[in-house]
């Protein structure tokens, strides 16, 4: 399946000792936006989490193809 991630929020609360600046948070979000190929929503979340290094708090996407 192809997913177009158009909004995402990461759970950054558990990383107080590595607090990101506002610009770093925006860069992290921007890096995660875009089109992904994944088996299902769980696979999509795993791909993004592994790439970003942070858990996802919320995600909004469109399914482009199955």
PDB file of N, CA and C in Angstrom:
ATOM      1  N   UNK A   1       0.839  -1.177   0.000  1.00  0.00           N
ATOM      2  CA  UNK A   1       0.000   0.000   0.000  1.00  0.00           C
ATOM      3  C   UNK A   1       0.883   1.239   0.000  1.00  0.00           C
ATOM      4  N   UNK A   2       0.365   2.299  -0.582  1.00  0.00           N
ATOM      5  CA  UNK A   2       1.068   3.589  -0.546  1.00  0.00           C
ATOM      6  C   UNK A   2       0.282   4.554   0.327  1.00  0.00           C
ATOM      7  N   UNK A   3       1.013   5.215   1.218  1.00  0.00           N
ATOM      8  CA  UNK A   3       0.439   6.168   2.163  1.00  0.00           C
ATOM      9  C   UNK A   3       1.079   7.531   1.938  1.00  0.00           C
ATOM     10  N   UNK A   4       0.260   8.573   2.001  1.00  0.00           N
ATOM     11  CA  UNK A   4       0.762   9.950   1.949  1.00  0.00           C
ATOM     12  C   UNK A   4       0.560  10.558   3.334  1.00  0.00           C
ATOM     13  N   UNK A   5       1.627  10.642   4.100  1.00  0.00           N
ATOM     14  CA  UNK A   5       1.568  11.201   5.452  1.00  0.00           C
ATOM     15  C   UNK A   5       1.583  12.719   5.328  1.00  0.00           C
ATOM     16  N   UNK A   6       0.479  13.360   5.769  1.00  0.00           N
ATOM     17  CA  UNK A   6       0.388  14.813   5.614  1.00  0.00           C
ATOM     18  C   UNK A   6       0.437  15.568   6.937  1.00  0.00           C
ATOM     19  N   UNK A   7       0.390  14.847   8.057  1.00  0.00           N
ATOM     20  CA  UNK A   7       0.577  15.482   9.362  1.00  0.00           C
ATOM     21  C   UNK A   7       1.013  14.417  10.350  1.00  0.00           C
ATOM     22  N   UNK A   8       1.941  14.785  11.214  1.00  0.00           N
ATOM     23  CA  UNK A   8       2.449  13.839  12.201  1.00  0.00           C
ATOM     24  C   UNK A   8       2.929  14.602  13.425  1.00  0.00           C
ATOM     25  N   UNK A   9       2.734  13.990  14.586  1.00  0.00           N
ATOM     26  CA  UNK A   9       3.239  14.559  15.832  1.00  0.00           C
ATOM     27  C   UNK A   9       3.955  13.436  16.579  1.00  0.00           C
ATOM     28  N   UNK A  10       5.164  13.715  16.996  1.00  0.00           N
ATOM     29  CA  UNK A  10       5.957  12.728  17.728  1.00  0.00           C
ATOM     30  C   UNK A  10       5.803  12.932  19.227  1.00  0.00           C
ATOM     31  N   UNK A  11       5.936  11.856  19.975  1.00  0.00           N
ATOM     32  CA  UNK A  11       5.887  11.902  21.433  1.00  0.00           C
ATOM     33  C   UNK A  11       7.291  12.221  21.935  1.00  0.00           C
ATOM     34  N   UNK A  12       7.525  13.477  22.230  1.00  0.00           N
ATOM     35  CA  UNK A  12       8.848  13.935  22.646  1.00  0.00           C
ATOM     36  C   UNK A  12       8.949  14.133  24.153  1.00  0.00           C
ATOM     37  N   UNK A  13       7.875  13.848  24.885  1.00  0.00           N
ATOM     38  CA  UNK A  13       7.831  14.094  26.326  1.00  0.00           C
ATOM     39  C   UNK A  13       8.793  13.224  27.114  1.00  0.00           C
ATOM     40  N   UNK A  14       9.097  12.026  26.632  1.00  0.00           N
ATOM     41  CA  UNK A  14       9.970  11.106  27.360  1.00  0.00           C
ATOM     42  C   UNK A  14      11.450  11.421  27.186  1.00  0.00           C
ATOM     43  N   UNK A  15      11.758  12.446  26.429  1.00  0.00           N
ATOM     44  CA  UNK A  15      13.155  12.743  26.101  1.00  0.00           C
ATOM     45  C   UNK A  15      13.556  14.130  26.594  1.00  0.00           C
ATOM     46  N   UNK A  16      13.199  14.443  27.827  1.00  0.00           N
ATOM     47  CA  UNK A  16      13.496  15.764  28.385  1.00  0.00           C
ATOM     48  C   UNK A  16      14.998  16.053  28.391  1.00  0.00           C
ATOM     49  N   UNK A  17      15.814  15.030  28.659  1.00  0.00           N
ATOM     50  CA  UNK A  17      17.262  15.266  28.709  1.00  0.00           C
ATOM     51  C   UNK A  17      17.837  15.553  27.327  1.00  0.00           C
ATOM     52  N   UNK A  18      17.079  15.192  26.279  1.00  0.00           N
ATOM     53  CA  UNK A  18      17.506  15.467  24.900  1.00  0.00           C
ATOM     54  C   UNK A  18      16.512  16.406  24.239  1.00  0.00           C
ATOM     55  N   UNK A  19      16.073  17.405  24.963  1.00  0.00           N
ATOM     56  CA  UNK A  19      15.035  18.314  24.496  1.00  0.00           C
ATOM     57  C   UNK A  19      15.418  18.930  23.156  1.00  0.00           C
ATOM     58  N   UNK A  20      14.520  18.766  22.182  1.00  0.00           N
ATOM     59  CA  UNK A  20      14.748  19.338  20.858  1.00  0.00           C
ATOM     60  C   UNK A  20      14.336  20.802  20.843  1.00  0.00           C
ATOM     61  N   UNK A  21      15.029  21.590  20.053  1.00  0.00           N
ATOM     62  CA  UNK A  21      14.615  22.971  19.845  1.00  0.00           C
ATOM     63  C   UNK A  21      13.384  22.964  18.944  1.00  0.00           C
ATOM     64  N   UNK A  22      12.716  24.077  18.858  1.00  0.00           N
ATOM     65  CA  UNK A  22      11.545  24.195  17.996  1.00  0.00           C
ATOM     66  C   UNK A  22      11.921  23.881  16.549  1.00  0.00           C
ATOM     67  N   UNK A  23      13.040  24.408  16.098  1.00  0.00           N
ATOM     68  CA  UNK A  23      13.488  24.154  14.722  1.00  0.00           C
ATOM     69  C   UNK A  23      13.780  22.670  14.484  1.00  0.00           C
ATOM     70  N   UNK A  24      14.355  21.997  15.483  1.00  0.00           N
ATOM     71  CA  UNK A  24      14.623  20.562  15.359  1.00  0.00           C
ATOM     72  C   UNK A  24      13.324  19.757  15.305  1.00  0.00           C
ATOM     73  N   UNK A  25      12.333  20.161  16.097  1.00  0.00           N
ATOM     74  CA  UNK A  25      11.030  19.492  16.061  1.00  0.00           C
ATOM     75  C   UNK A  25      10.374  19.646  14.690  1.00  0.00           C
ATOM     76  N   UNK A  26      10.451  20.832  14.123  1.00  0.00           N
ATOM     77  CA  UNK A  26       9.883  21.080  12.792  1.00  0.00           C
ATOM     78  C   UNK A  26      10.625  20.253  11.746  1.00  0.00           C
ATOM     79  N   UNK A  27      11.945  20.200  11.833  1.00  0.00           N
ATOM     80  CA  UNK A  27      12.738  19.417  10.881  1.00  0.00           C
ATOM     81  C   UNK A  27      12.407  17.928  10.989  1.00  0.00           C
ATOM     82  N   UNK A  28      12.215  17.425  12.201  1.00  0.00           N
ATOM     83  CA  UNK A  28      11.843  16.032  12.417  1.00  0.00           C
ATOM     84  C   UNK A  28      10.485  15.749  11.783  1.00  0.00           C
ATOM     85  N   UNK A  29       9.529  16.629  12.021  1.00  0.00           N
ATOM     86  CA  UNK A  29       8.196  16.464  11.435  1.00  0.00           C
ATOM     87  C   UNK A  29       8.273  16.503   9.914  1.00  0.00           C
ATOM     88  N   UNK A  30       8.972  17.481   9.380  1.00  0.00           N
ATOM     89  CA  UNK A  30       9.072  17.621   7.924  1.00  0.00           C
ATOM     90  C   UNK A  30       9.740  16.411   7.285  1.00  0.00           C
ATOM     91  N   UNK A  31      10.732  15.841   7.975  1.00  0.00           N
ATOM     92  CA  UNK A  31      11.415  14.654   7.469  1.00  0.00           C
ATOM     93  C   UNK A  31      10.457  13.472   7.346  1.00  0.00           C
ATOM     94  N   UNK A  32       9.496  13.395   8.261  1.00  0.00           N
ATOM     95  CA  UNK A  32       8.581  12.251   8.308  1.00  0.00           C
ATOM     96  C   UNK A  32       7.391  12.383   7.359  1.00  0.00           C
ATOM     97  N   UNK A  33       7.135  13.583   6.871  1.00  0.00           N
ATOM     98  CA  UNK A  33       6.013  13.771   5.949  1.00  0.00           C
ATOM     99  C   UNK A  33       6.372  13.233   4.580  1.00  0.00           C
ATOM    100  N   UNK A  34       5.365  12.769   3.847  1.00  0.00           N
ATOM    101  CA  UNK A  34       5.617  12.305   2.491  1.00  0.00           C
ATOM    102  C   UNK A  34       4.978  10.968   2.202  1.00  0.00           C
ATOM    103  N   UNK A  35       5.410  10.368   1.127  1.00  0.00           N
ATOM    104  CA  UNK A  35       4.812   9.124   0.642  1.00  0.00           C
ATOM    105  C   UNK A  35       5.662   7.932   1.073  1.00  0.00           C
ATOM    106  N   UNK A  36       4.985   6.923   1.598  1.00  0.00           N
ATOM    107  CA  UNK A  36       5.619   5.690   2.070  1.00  0.00           C
ATOM    108  C   UNK A  36       4.916   4.495   1.452  1.00  0.00           C
ATOM    109  N   UNK A  37       5.666   3.432   1.278  1.00  0.00           N
ATOM    110  CA  UNK A  37       5.087   2.166   0.884  1.00  0.00           C
ATOM    111  C   UNK A  37       5.199   1.232   2.085  1.00  0.00           C
ATOM    112  N   UNK A  38       4.052   0.699   2.522  1.00  0.00           N
ATOM    113  CA  UNK A  38       4.008  -0.170   3.697  1.00  0.00           C
ATOM    114  C   UNK A  38       2.886  -1.185   3.524  1.00  0.00           C
ATOM    115  N   UNK A  39       2.970  -2.262   4.294  1.00  0.00           N
ATOM    116  CA  UNK A  39       1.963  -3.317   4.208  1.00  0.00           C
ATOM    117  C   UNK A  39       0.617  -2.883   4.775  1.00  0.00           C
ATOM    118  N   UNK A  40       0.661  -2.109   5.870  1.00  0.00           N
ATOM    119  CA  UNK A  40      -0.551  -1.639   6.533  1.00  0.00           C
ATOM    120  C   UNK A  40      -0.176  -0.481   7.456  1.00  0.00           C
ATOM    121  N   UNK A  41      -1.145   0.007   8.233  1.00  0.00           N
ATOM    122  CA  UNK A  41      -0.888   1.155   9.106  1.00  0.00           C
ATOM    123  C   UNK A  41       0.182   0.831  10.152  1.00  0.00           C
ATOM    124  N   UNK A  42       0.139  -0.355  10.715  1.00  0.00           N
ATOM    125  CA  UNK A  42       1.143  -0.734  11.716  1.00  0.00           C
ATOM    126  C   UNK A  42       2.553  -0.722  11.122  1.00  0.00           C
ATOM    127  N   UNK A  43       2.684  -1.216   9.914  1.00  0.00           N
ATOM    128  CA  UNK A  43       3.974  -1.215   9.231  1.00  0.00           C
ATOM    129  C   UNK A  43       4.424   0.216   8.943  1.00  0.00           C
ATOM    130  N   UNK A  44       3.503   1.065   8.532  1.00  0.00           N
ATOM    131  CA  UNK A  44       3.810   2.478   8.286  1.00  0.00           C
ATOM    132  C   UNK A  44       4.363   3.133   9.550  1.00  0.00           C
ATOM    133  N   UNK A  45       3.692   2.927  10.666  1.00  0.00           N
ATOM    134  CA  UNK A  45       4.119   3.517  11.935  1.00  0.00           C
ATOM    135  C   UNK A  45       5.498   2.996  12.336  1.00  0.00           C
ATOM    136  N   UNK A  46       5.733   1.714  12.133  1.00  0.00           N
ATOM    137  CA  UNK A  46       7.038   1.132  12.456  1.00  0.00           C
ATOM    138  C   UNK A  46       8.148   1.723  11.588  1.00  0.00           C
ATOM    139  N   UNK A  47       7.881   1.901  10.306  1.00  0.00           N
ATOM    140  CA  UNK A  47       8.868   2.479   9.389  1.00  0.00           C
ATOM    141  C   UNK A  47       9.242   3.896   9.826  1.00  0.00           C
ATOM    142  N   UNK A  48       8.232   4.702  10.125  1.00  0.00           N
ATOM    143  CA  UNK A  48       8.490   6.095  10.509  1.00  0.00           C
ATOM    144  C   UNK A  48       9.181   6.162  11.866  1.00  0.00           C
ATOM    145  N   UNK A  49       8.722   5.367  12.825  1.00  0.00           N
ATOM    146  CA  UNK A  49       9.329   5.356  14.158  1.00  0.00           C
ATOM    147  C   UNK A  49      10.792   4.936  14.097  1.00  0.00           C
ATOM    148  N   UNK A  50      11.080   3.906  13.328  1.00  0.00           N
ATOM    149  CA  UNK A  50      12.472   3.455  13.191  1.00  0.00           C
ATOM    150  C   UNK A  50      13.346   4.539  12.561  1.00  0.00           C
ATOM    151  N   UNK A  51      12.823   5.230  11.561  1.00  0.00           N
ATOM    152  CA  UNK A  51      13.598   6.264  10.877  1.00  0.00           C
ATOM    153  C   UNK A  51      13.810   7.511  11.713  1.00  0.00           C
ATOM    154  N   UNK A  52      12.788   7.878  12.489  1.00  0.00           N
ATOM    155  CA  UNK A  52      12.859   9.108  13.276  1.00  0.00           C
ATOM    156  C   UNK A  52      13.515   8.904  14.638  1.00  0.00           C
ATOM    157  N   UNK A  53      13.357   7.718  15.186  1.00  0.00           N
ATOM    158  CA  UNK A  53      13.893   7.464  16.515  1.00  0.00           C
ATOM    159  C   UNK A  53      12.968   7.911  17.634  1.00  0.00           C
ATOM    160  N   UNK A  54      11.753   8.291  17.306  1.00  0.00           N
ATOM    161  CA  UNK A  54      10.763   8.727  18.286  1.00  0.00           C
ATOM    162  C   UNK A  54       9.430   8.051  17.988  1.00  0.00           C
ATOM    163  N   UNK A  55       8.656   7.794  19.045  1.00  0.00           N
ATOM    164  CA  UNK A  55       7.321   7.227  18.873  1.00  0.00           C
ATOM    165  C   UNK A  55       6.371   8.297  18.328  1.00  0.00           C
ATOM    166  N   UNK A  56       5.339   7.833  17.656  1.00  0.00           N
ATOM    167  CA  UNK A  56       4.356   8.737  17.061  1.00  0.00           C
ATOM    168  C   UNK A  56       3.205   8.941  18.038  1.00  0.00           C
ATOM    169  N   UNK A  57       2.866  10.208  18.272  1.00  0.00           N
ATOM    170  CA  UNK A  57       1.726  10.547  19.125  1.00  0.00           C
ATOM    171  C   UNK A  57       0.444  10.579  18.300  1.00  0.00           C
ATOM    172  N   UNK A  58       0.507  11.166  17.104  1.00  0.00           N
ATOM    173  CA  UNK A  58      -0.644  11.191  16.206  1.00  0.00           C
ATOM    174  C   UNK A  58      -0.148  11.265  14.766  1.00  0.00           C
ATOM    175  N   UNK A  59      -0.969  10.721  13.871  1.00  0.00           N
ATOM    176  CA  UNK A  59      -0.593  10.690  12.465  1.00  0.00           C
ATOM    177  C   UNK A  59      -1.854  10.833  11.616  1.00  0.00           C
ATOM    178  N   UNK A  60      -1.729  11.561  10.523  1.00  0.00           N
ATOM    179  CA  UNK A  60      -2.823  11.716   9.576  1.00  0.00           C
ATOM    180  C   UNK A  60      -2.250  11.416   8.186  1.00  0.00           C
ATOM    181  N   UNK A  61      -2.923  10.556   7.465  1.00  0.00           N
ATOM    182  CA  UNK A  61      -2.436  10.160   6.146  1.00  0.00           C
ATOM    183  C   UNK A  61      -3.604   9.829   5.233  1.00  0.00           C
ATOM    184  N   UNK A  62      -3.308   9.807   3.941  1.00  0.00           N
ATOM    185  CA  UNK A  62      -4.247   9.358   2.927  1.00  0.00           C
ATOM    186  C   UNK A  62      -3.675   8.085   2.322  1.00  0.00           C
ATOM    187  N   UNK A  63      -4.551   7.156   1.992  1.00  0.00           N
ATOM    188  CA  UNK A  63      -4.132   5.949   1.291  1.00  0.00           C
ATOM    189  C   UNK A  63      -4.192   6.231  -0.198  1.00  0.00           C
ATOM    190  N   UNK A  64      -3.058   6.106  -0.872  1.00  0.00           N
ATOM    191  CA  UNK A  64      -2.973   6.407  -2.289  1.00  0.00           C
ATOM    192  C   UNK A  64      -3.299   5.188  -3.156  1.00  0.00           C
ATOM    193  N   UNK A  65      -2.898   4.014  -2.697  1.00  0.00           N
ATOM    194  CA  UNK A  65      -3.202   2.770  -3.441  1.00  0.00           C
ATOM    195  C   UNK A  65      -3.082   1.586  -2.504  1.00  0.00           C
ATOM    196  N   UNK A  66      -3.797   0.550  -2.850  1.00  0.00           N
ATOM    197  CA  UNK A  66      -3.754  -0.683  -2.038  1.00  0.00           C
ATOM    198  C   UNK A  66      -2.990  -1.753  -2.742  1.00  0.00           C
TER     199      UNK A  66
END
